[in-house]
PDB file of N, CA and C in Angstrom:
ATOM      1  N   UNK A   1       0.871  -1.144   0.105  1.00  0.00           N
ATOM      2  CA  UNK A   1      -0.182  -0.048   0.192  1.00  0.00           C
ATOM      3  C   UNK A   1       0.882   1.118  -0.013  1.00  0.00           C
ATOM      4  N   UNK A   2       1.401   1.803  -1.152  1.00  0.00           N
ATOM      5  CA  UNK A   2       2.284   2.836  -1.389  1.00  0.00           C
ATOM      6  C   UNK A   2       1.459   4.149  -1.565  1.00  0.00           C
ATOM      7  N   UNK A   3       0.694   3.979  -2.605  1.00  0.00           N
ATOM      8  CA  UNK A   3      -0.177   5.215  -2.732  1.00  0.00           C
ATOM      9  C   UNK A   3      -1.588   5.140  -2.230  1.00  0.00           C
ATOM     10  N   UNK A   4      -2.416   6.328  -1.847  1.00  0.00           N
ATOM     11  CA  UNK A   4      -3.400   6.277  -1.322  1.00  0.00           C
ATOM     12  C   UNK A   4      -4.373   5.364  -2.394  1.00  0.00           C
ATOM     13  N   UNK A   5      -5.114   4.492  -1.573  1.00  0.00           N
ATOM     14  CA  UNK A   5      -6.388   3.622  -2.090  1.00  0.00           C
ATOM     15  C   UNK A   5      -7.577   4.113  -1.515  1.00  0.00           C
ATOM     16  N   UNK A   6      -8.482   3.939  -2.565  1.00  0.00           N
ATOM     17  CA  UNK A   6     -10.067   4.020  -1.949  1.00  0.00           C
ATOM     18  C   UNK A   6     -10.531   2.778  -1.506  1.00  0.00           C
ATOM     19  N   UNK A   7     -11.601   2.766  -0.803  1.00  0.00           N
ATOM     20  CA  UNK A   7     -12.199   1.489  -0.242  1.00  0.00           C
ATOM     21  C   UNK A   7     -12.432   0.775  -1.362  1.00  0.00           C
ATOM     22  N   UNK A   8     -13.089   1.238  -2.469  1.00  0.00           N
ATOM     23  CA  UNK A   8     -13.343   0.354  -3.552  1.00  0.00           C
ATOM     24  C   UNK A   8     -12.223  -0.310  -4.215  1.00  0.00           C
ATOM     25  N   UNK A   9     -11.060   0.274  -4.203  1.00  0.00           N
ATOM     26  CA  UNK A   9      -9.914  -0.186  -4.672  1.00  0.00           C
ATOM     27  C   UNK A   9      -9.579  -1.366  -3.852  1.00  0.00           C
ATOM     28  N   UNK A  10      -9.376  -0.958  -2.597  1.00  0.00           N
ATOM     29  CA  UNK A  10      -9.041  -2.076  -1.447  1.00  0.00           C
ATOM     30  C   UNK A  10      -9.861  -3.315  -1.455  1.00  0.00           C
ATOM     31  N   UNK A  11     -11.242  -3.105  -1.816  1.00  0.00           N
ATOM     32  CA  UNK A  11     -12.261  -4.177  -1.979  1.00  0.00           C
ATOM     33  C   UNK A  11     -11.867  -5.091  -3.049  1.00  0.00           C
ATOM     34  N   UNK A  12     -11.609  -4.272  -4.239  1.00  0.00           N
ATOM     35  CA  UNK A  12     -11.244  -5.042  -5.659  1.00  0.00           C
ATOM     36  C   UNK A  12     -10.011  -5.912  -5.330  1.00  0.00           C
ATOM     37  N   UNK A  13      -9.001  -5.346  -4.560  1.00  0.00           N
ATOM     38  CA  UNK A  13      -7.565  -6.014  -4.432  1.00  0.00           C
ATOM     39  C   UNK A  13      -7.863  -7.282  -3.474  1.00  0.00           C
ATOM     40  N   UNK A  14      -8.687  -7.157  -2.596  1.00  0.00           N
ATOM     41  CA  UNK A  14      -8.878  -8.076  -1.443  1.00  0.00           C
ATOM     42  C   UNK A  14     -10.404  -8.913  -1.623  1.00  0.00           C
ATOM     43  N   UNK A  15     -10.545  -9.491  -2.674  1.00  0.00           N
ATOM     44  CA  UNK A  15     -11.805 -10.038  -2.854  1.00  0.00           C
ATOM     45  C   UNK A  15     -12.359 -11.104  -1.790  1.00  0.00           C
ATOM     46  N   UNK A  16     -11.603 -11.807  -1.289  1.00  0.00           N
ATOM     47  CA  UNK A  16     -11.987 -12.766  -0.172  1.00  0.00           C
ATOM     48  C   UNK A  16     -12.383 -12.189   1.047  1.00  0.00           C
ATOM     49  N   UNK A  17     -12.129 -10.942   1.300  1.00  0.00           N
ATOM     50  CA  UNK A  17     -12.700 -10.254   2.476  1.00  0.00           C
ATOM     51  C   UNK A  17     -13.832  -9.480   2.157  1.00  0.00           C
ATOM     52  N   UNK A  18     -15.191  -9.814   3.190  1.00  0.00           N
ATOM     53  CA  UNK A  18     -16.270  -9.005   2.788  1.00  0.00           C
ATOM     54  C   UNK A  18     -16.159  -7.521   3.117  1.00  0.00           C
ATOM     55  N   UNK A  19     -16.890  -6.609   2.516  1.00  0.00           N
ATOM     56  CA  UNK A  19     -16.960  -5.168   2.691  1.00  0.00           C
ATOM     57  C   UNK A  19     -16.952  -4.770   4.244  1.00  0.00           C
ATOM     58  N   UNK A  20     -17.937  -5.678   4.840  1.00  0.00           N
ATOM     59  CA  UNK A  20     -18.128  -5.398   6.332  1.00  0.00           C
ATOM     60  C   UNK A  20     -16.426  -5.609   7.180  1.00  0.00           C
ATOM     61  N   UNK A  21     -16.121  -6.679   6.826  1.00  0.00           N
ATOM     62  CA  UNK A  21     -14.807  -6.886   7.516  1.00  0.00           C
ATOM     63  C   UNK A  21     -13.751  -6.072   7.149  1.00  0.00           C
ATOM     64  N   UNK A  22     -13.667  -5.652   5.873  1.00  0.00           N
ATOM     65  CA  UNK A  22     -12.792  -4.537   5.423  1.00  0.00           C
ATOM     66  C   UNK A  22     -12.898  -3.397   6.010  1.00  0.00           C
ATOM     67  N   UNK A  23     -14.109  -2.775   6.262  1.00  0.00           N
ATOM     68  CA  UNK A  23     -14.320  -1.716   6.727  1.00  0.00           C
ATOM     69  C   UNK A  23     -14.097  -1.754   8.343  1.00  0.00           C
ATOM     70  N   UNK A  24     -14.363  -2.990   9.101  1.00  0.00           N
ATOM     71  CA  UNK A  24     -13.969  -2.940  10.488  1.00  0.00           C
ATOM     72  C   UNK A  24     -12.234  -2.990  10.713  1.00  0.00           C
ATOM     73  N   UNK A  25     -11.801  -3.488   9.639  1.00  0.00           N
ATOM     74  CA  UNK A  25     -10.197  -3.663   9.685  1.00  0.00           C
ATOM     75  C   UNK A  25      -9.698  -2.342   9.392  1.00  0.00           C
ATOM     76  N   UNK A  26     -10.105  -1.573   8.616  1.00  0.00           N
ATOM     77  CA  UNK A  26      -9.620  -0.319   8.256  1.00  0.00           C
ATOM     78  C   UNK A  26      -9.837   0.557   9.433  1.00  0.00           C
ATOM     79  N   UNK A  27     -11.070   0.495  10.066  1.00  0.00           N
ATOM     80  CA  UNK A  27     -11.385   1.355  11.332  1.00  0.00           C
ATOM     81  C   UNK A  27     -10.337   0.914  12.435  1.00  0.00           C
ATOM     82  N   UNK A  28      -9.953  -0.106  12.611  1.00  0.00           N
ATOM     83  CA  UNK A  28      -8.853  -0.621  13.422  1.00  0.00           C
ATOM     84  C   UNK A  28      -7.536  -0.090  13.317  1.00  0.00           C
ATOM     85  N   UNK A  29      -7.068  -0.498  12.117  1.00  0.00           N
ATOM     86  CA  UNK A  29      -5.868  -0.088  11.626  1.00  0.00           C
ATOM     87  C   UNK A  29      -5.806   1.686  11.948  1.00  0.00           C
ATOM     88  N   UNK A  30      -6.930   2.267  11.512  1.00  0.00           N
ATOM     89  CA  UNK A  30      -6.795   3.848  11.728  1.00  0.00           C
ATOM     90  C   UNK A  30      -6.727   4.150  13.152  1.00  0.00           C
ATOM     91  N   UNK A  31      -7.499   3.615  14.073  1.00  0.00           N
ATOM     92  CA  UNK A  31      -7.461   3.571  15.453  1.00  0.00           C
ATOM     93  C   UNK A  31      -6.076   3.498  16.062  1.00  0.00           C
ATOM     94  N   UNK A  32      -5.433   2.451  15.560  1.00  0.00           N
ATOM     95  CA  UNK A  32      -4.077   2.166  15.960  1.00  0.00           C
ATOM     96  C   UNK A  32      -2.881   3.005  15.158  1.00  0.00           C
ATOM     97  N   UNK A  33      -3.219   3.924  14.504  1.00  0.00           N
ATOM     98  CA  UNK A  33      -2.415   4.896  13.993  1.00  0.00           C
ATOM     99  C   UNK A  33      -1.459   4.237  12.791  1.00  0.00           C
ATOM    100  N   UNK A  34      -2.144   3.185  12.134  1.00  0.00           N
ATOM    101  CA  UNK A  34      -1.390   2.477  11.212  1.00  0.00           C
ATOM    102  C   UNK A  34      -1.735   3.039   9.630  1.00  0.00           C
ATOM    103  N   UNK A  35      -2.788   3.545   9.404  1.00  0.00           N
ATOM    104  CA  UNK A  35      -3.099   4.171   8.259  1.00  0.00           C
ATOM    105  C   UNK A  35      -3.772   5.457   8.771  1.00  0.00           C
ATOM    106  N   UNK A  36      -3.725   6.207   7.497  1.00  0.00           N
ATOM    107  CA  UNK A  36      -4.501   7.581   7.700  1.00  0.00           C
ATOM    108  C   UNK A  36      -5.637   7.594   6.756  1.00  0.00           C
ATOM    109  N   UNK A  37      -6.724   8.233   7.165  1.00  0.00           N
ATOM    110  CA  UNK A  37      -8.045   8.372   6.226  1.00  0.00           C
ATOM    111  C   UNK A  37      -7.941   9.793   5.712  1.00  0.00           C
ATOM    112  N   UNK A  38      -8.245   9.806   4.403  1.00  0.00           N
ATOM    113  CA  UNK A  38      -8.514  11.269   3.849  1.00  0.00           C
ATOM    114  C   UNK A  38      -9.999  11.083   3.335  1.00  0.00           C
ATOM    115  N   UNK A  39     -10.740  12.070   3.856  1.00  0.00           N
ATOM    116  CA  UNK A  39     -12.014  12.305   3.201  1.00  0.00           C
ATOM    117  C   UNK A  39     -11.761  13.545   1.943  1.00  0.00           C
ATOM    118  N   UNK A  40     -12.161  13.136   0.620  1.00  0.00           N
ATOM    119  CA  UNK A  40     -12.131  14.025  -0.342  1.00  0.00           C
ATOM    120  C   UNK A  40     -13.552  14.782  -0.537  1.00  0.00           C
ATOM    121  N   UNK A  41     -13.411  15.951  -0.804  1.00  0.00           N
ATOM    122  CA  UNK A  41     -14.544  16.876  -1.171  1.00  0.00           C
ATOM    123  C   UNK A  41     -15.304  16.474  -2.315  1.00  0.00           C
ATOM    124  N   UNK A  42     -16.513  16.676  -2.325  1.00  0.00           N
ATOM    125  CA  UNK A  42     -17.640  16.456  -3.583  1.00  0.00           C
ATOM    126  C   UNK A  42     -18.354  15.294  -3.119  1.00  0.00           C
ATOM    127  N   UNK A  43     -19.551  14.996  -4.138  1.00  0.00           N
ATOM    128  CA  UNK A  43     -20.468  14.156  -4.032  1.00  0.00           C
ATOM    129  C   UNK A  43     -20.360  13.154  -4.912  1.00  0.00           C
ATOM    130  N   UNK A  44     -20.379  11.863  -4.966  1.00  0.00           N
ATOM    131  CA  UNK A  44     -20.613  11.272  -3.664  1.00  0.00           C
ATOM    132  C   UNK A  44     -19.379  11.338  -2.791  1.00  0.00           C
ATOM    133  N   UNK A  45     -19.445  11.191  -1.227  1.00  0.00           N
ATOM    134  CA  UNK A  45     -18.109  11.214  -0.518  1.00  0.00           C
ATOM    135  C   UNK A  45     -17.156  10.208  -0.697  1.00  0.00           C
ATOM    136  N   UNK A  46     -16.041  10.587  -0.840  1.00  0.00           N
ATOM    137  CA  UNK A  46     -14.991   9.698  -1.246  1.00  0.00           C
ATOM    138  C   UNK A  46     -13.950   9.782  -0.116  1.00  0.00           C
ATOM    139  N   UNK A  47     -13.225   8.386   0.173  1.00  0.00           N
ATOM    140  CA  UNK A  47     -12.467   8.369   1.201  1.00  0.00           C
ATOM    141  C   UNK A  47     -11.170   7.701   0.619  1.00  0.00           C
ATOM    142  N   UNK A  48      -9.956   7.975   1.060  1.00  0.00           N
ATOM    143  CA  UNK A  48      -8.631   7.410   0.600  1.00  0.00           C
ATOM    144  C   UNK A  48      -7.944   6.937   1.743  1.00  0.00           C
ATOM    145  N   UNK A  49      -7.102   6.021   1.697  1.00  0.00           N
ATOM    146  CA  UNK A  49      -6.395   5.442   2.834  1.00  0.00           C
ATOM    147  C   UNK A  49      -4.913   5.145   2.563  1.00  0.00           C
ATOM    148  N   UNK A  50      -4.061   5.764   3.374  1.00  0.00           N
ATOM    149  CA  UNK A  50      -2.637   5.395   3.102  1.00  0.00           C
ATOM    150  C   UNK A  50      -1.959   5.082   4.461  1.00  0.00           C
ATOM    151  N   UNK A  51      -0.941   4.221   4.216  1.00  0.00           N
ATOM    152  CA  UNK A  51      -0.297   3.959   5.453  1.00  0.00           C
ATOM    153  C   UNK A  51       0.571   5.193   6.250  1.00  0.00           C
ATOM    154  N   UNK A  52       0.617   5.140   7.361  1.00  0.00           N
ATOM    155  CA  UNK A  52       1.395   6.272   8.117  1.00  0.00           C
ATOM    156  C   UNK A  52       2.784   5.732   8.330  1.00  0.00           C
ATOM    157  N   UNK A  53       3.724   6.473   8.662  1.00  0.00           N
ATOM    158  CA  UNK A  53       4.843   6.207   8.986  1.00  0.00           C
ATOM    159  C   UNK A  53       4.920   4.928   9.890  1.00  0.00           C
ATOM    160  N   UNK A  54       4.324   4.793  10.815  1.00  0.00           N
ATOM    161  CA  UNK A  54       4.262   3.553  11.720  1.00  0.00           C
ATOM    162  C   UNK A  54       3.654   2.115  10.917  1.00  0.00           C
ATOM    163  N   UNK A  55       2.840   2.451  10.184  1.00  0.00           N
ATOM    164  CA  UNK A  55       2.294   1.330   9.071  1.00  0.00           C
ATOM    165  C   UNK A  55       3.366   0.955   8.237  1.00  0.00           C
ATOM    166  N   UNK A  56       4.199   1.964   7.533  1.00  0.00           N
ATOM    167  CA  UNK A  56       5.174   1.619   6.682  1.00  0.00           C
ATOM    168  C   UNK A  56       6.334   0.985   7.335  1.00  0.00           C
ATOM    169  N   UNK A  57       6.538   1.241   8.561  1.00  0.00           N
ATOM    170  CA  UNK A  57       7.611   0.482   9.596  1.00  0.00           C
ATOM    171  C   UNK A  57       7.310  -0.646   9.709  1.00  0.00           C
ATOM    172  N   UNK A  58       5.901  -1.208   9.718  1.00  0.00           N
ATOM    173  CA  UNK A  58       5.625  -2.752   9.939  1.00  0.00           C
ATOM    174  C   UNK A  58       5.688  -3.512   8.668  1.00  0.00           C
ATOM    175  N   UNK A  59       5.813  -3.015   7.604  1.00  0.00           N
ATOM    176  CA  UNK A  59       5.587  -3.510   6.206  1.00  0.00           C
ATOM    177  C   UNK A  59       6.652  -4.568   6.037  1.00  0.00           C
ATOM    178  N   UNK A  60       7.983  -4.391   6.299  1.00  0.00           N
ATOM    179  CA  UNK A  60       8.998  -5.435   5.997  1.00  0.00           C
ATOM    180  C   UNK A  60       8.747  -6.630   7.028  1.00  0.00           C
ATOM    181  N   UNK A  61       8.387  -6.234   8.178  1.00  0.00           N
ATOM    182  CA  UNK A  61       7.942  -7.396   9.142  1.00  0.00           C
ATOM    183  C   UNK A  61       6.724  -8.365   8.716  1.00  0.00           C
ATOM    184  N   UNK A  62       5.720  -7.597   8.129  1.00  0.00           N
ATOM    185  CA  UNK A  62       4.723  -8.293   7.558  1.00  0.00           C
ATOM    186  C   UNK A  62       5.009  -9.196   6.224  1.00  0.00           C
ATOM    187  N   UNK A  63       5.748  -8.676   5.372  1.00  0.00           N
ATOM    188  CA  UNK A  63       6.218  -9.291   4.229  1.00  0.00           C
ATOM    189  C   UNK A  63       7.053 -10.460   4.599  1.00  0.00           C
ATOM    190  N   UNK A  64       7.812 -10.341   5.731  1.00  0.00           N
ATOM    191  CA  UNK A  64       8.667 -11.620   5.916  1.00  0.00           C
ATOM    192  C   UNK A  64       7.827 -12.510   6.859  1.00  0.00           C
ATOM    193  N   UNK A  65       6.955 -12.150   7.450  1.00  0.00           N
ATOM    194  CA  UNK A  65       5.909 -13.346   8.189  1.00  0.00           C
ATOM    195  C   UNK A  65       5.040 -13.953   7.128  1.00  0.00           C
ATOM    196  N   UNK A  66       4.598 -13.192   5.976  1.00  0.00           N
ATOM    197  CA  UNK A  66       4.025 -13.896   5.048  1.00  0.00           C
ATOM    198  C   UNK A  66       5.010 -14.922   4.234  1.00  0.00           C
ATOM    199  N   UNK A  67       6.043 -14.566   4.058  1.00  0.00           N
ATOM    200  CA  UNK A  67       6.931 -15.479   3.245  1.00  0.00           C
ATOM    201  C   UNK A  67       7.198 -16.798   4.201  1.00  0.00           C
ATOM    202  N   UNK A  68       7.329 -16.472   5.367  1.00  0.00           N
ATOM    203  CA  UNK A  68       7.585 -17.610   6.401  1.00  0.00           C
ATOM    204  C   UNK A  68       6.492 -18.432   6.435  1.00  0.00           C
ATOM    205  N   UNK A  69       5.247 -17.959   6.583  1.00  0.00           N
ATOM    206  CA  UNK A  69       4.142 -18.774   6.460  1.00  0.00           C
ATOM    207  C   UNK A  69       3.921 -19.645   5.181  1.00  0.00           C
ATOM    208  N   UNK A  70       4.245 -18.914   4.086  1.00  0.00           N
ATOM    209  CA  UNK A  70       4.423 -19.554   2.823  1.00  0.00           C
ATOM    210  C   UNK A  70       5.300 -20.781   2.806  1.00  0.00           C
ATOM    211  N   UNK A  71       6.531 -20.772   3.182  1.00  0.00           N
ATOM    212  CA  UNK A  71       7.573 -21.779   3.206  1.00  0.00           C
ATOM    213  C   UNK A  71       7.160 -22.766   4.205  1.00  0.00           C
ATOM    214  N   UNK A  72       6.472 -22.448   5.500  1.00  0.00           N
ATOM    215  CA  UNK A  72       6.056 -23.667   6.296  1.00  0.00           C
ATOM    216  C   UNK A  72       4.806 -24.270   5.896  1.00  0.00           C
ATOM    217  N   UNK A  73       4.065 -23.599   5.042  1.00  0.00           N
ATOM    218  CA  UNK A  73       2.773 -24.150   4.357  1.00  0.00           C
ATOM    219  C   UNK A  73       3.329 -25.272   3.438  1.00  0.00           C
ATOM    220  N   UNK A  74       4.308 -24.830   2.599  1.00  0.00           N
ATOM    221  CA  UNK A  74       4.783 -25.838   1.684  1.00  0.00           C
ATOM    222  C   UNK A  74       5.537 -27.022   2.186  1.00  0.00           C
ATOM    223  N   UNK A  75       6.220 -26.710   3.478  1.00  0.00           N
ATOM    224  CA  UNK A  75       7.020 -27.684   4.082  1.00  0.00           C
ATOM    225  C   UNK A  75       5.800 -28.938   4.718  1.00  0.00           C
ATOM    226  N   UNK A  76       4.805 -28.338   5.298  1.00  0.00           N
ATOM    227  CA  UNK A  76       3.901 -29.166   5.852  1.00  0.00           C
ATOM    228  C   UNK A  76       3.076 -29.875   4.857  1.00  0.00           C
ATOM    229  N   UNK A  77       2.962 -29.263   3.686  1.00  0.00           N
ATOM    230  CA  UNK A  77       2.200 -30.047   2.591  1.00  0.00           C
ATOM    231  C   UNK A  77       3.197 -31.034   1.948  1.00  0.00           C
ATOM    232  N   UNK A  78       4.445 -31.012   1.842  1.00  0.00           N
ATOM    233  CA  UNK A  78       5.570 -31.812   1.444  1.00  0.00           C
ATOM    234  C   UNK A  78       5.559 -33.179   2.276  1.00  0.00           C
ATOM    235  N   UNK A  79       5.413 -32.750   3.576  1.00  0.00           N
ATOM    236  CA  UNK A  79       5.513 -33.790   4.523  1.00  0.00           C
ATOM    237  C   UNK A  79       4.200 -34.681   4.544  1.00  0.00           C
ATOM    238  N   UNK A  80       3.036 -34.006   4.334  1.00  0.00           N
ATOM    239  CA  UNK A  80       1.689 -34.752   4.352  1.00  0.00           C
ATOM    240  C   UNK A  80       1.754 -35.573   3.075  1.00  0.00           C
ATOM    241  N   UNK A  81       2.064 -35.087   1.904  1.00  0.00           N
ATOM    242  CA  UNK A  81       2.329 -35.887   0.720  1.00  0.00           C
ATOM    243  C   UNK A  81       3.252 -37.140   0.701  1.00  0.00           C
ATOM    244  N   UNK A  82       4.436 -36.845   1.391  1.00  0.00           N
ATOM    245  CA  UNK A  82       5.262 -38.020   1.549  1.00  0.00           C
ATOM    246  C   UNK A  82       4.793 -39.095   2.562  1.00  0.00           C
ATOM    247  N   UNK A  83       3.819 -38.648   3.753  1.00  0.00           N
ATOM    248  CA  UNK A  83       3.260 -39.550   4.547  1.00  0.00           C
ATOM    249  C   UNK A  83       2.212 -40.349   3.904  1.00  0.00           C
ATOM    250  N   UNK A  84       1.568 -39.560   3.088  1.00  0.00           N
ATOM    251  CA  UNK A  84       0.355 -40.315   2.414  1.00  0.00           C
ATOM    252  C   UNK A  84       0.718 -41.414   1.217  1.00  0.00           C
ATOM    253  N   UNK A  85       2.008 -41.496   0.803  1.00  0.00           N
ATOM    254  CA  UNK A  85       2.371 -42.359  -0.399  1.00  0.00           C
ATOM    255  C   UNK A  85       2.578 -43.467   0.279  1.00  0.00           C
TER     256      UNK A  85
END
């Protein structure tokens, strides 16, 4: 999340998350100071979200956590496949 994203863009990029859950998560992230919310003038109302410095600081950790999860997932799949043979 480098550039500001609208709710609709985030919803499109995260299709497995319901709009309600996405809204709740954005609210929590904003409360914790990890994202900033910018309301744009005009009608209909538009909102953009961007990472704060604190949110950007967490990005490398989250990427590594994701990669570790992927490696462990493949490892457990390989073990399960070997066991089932």
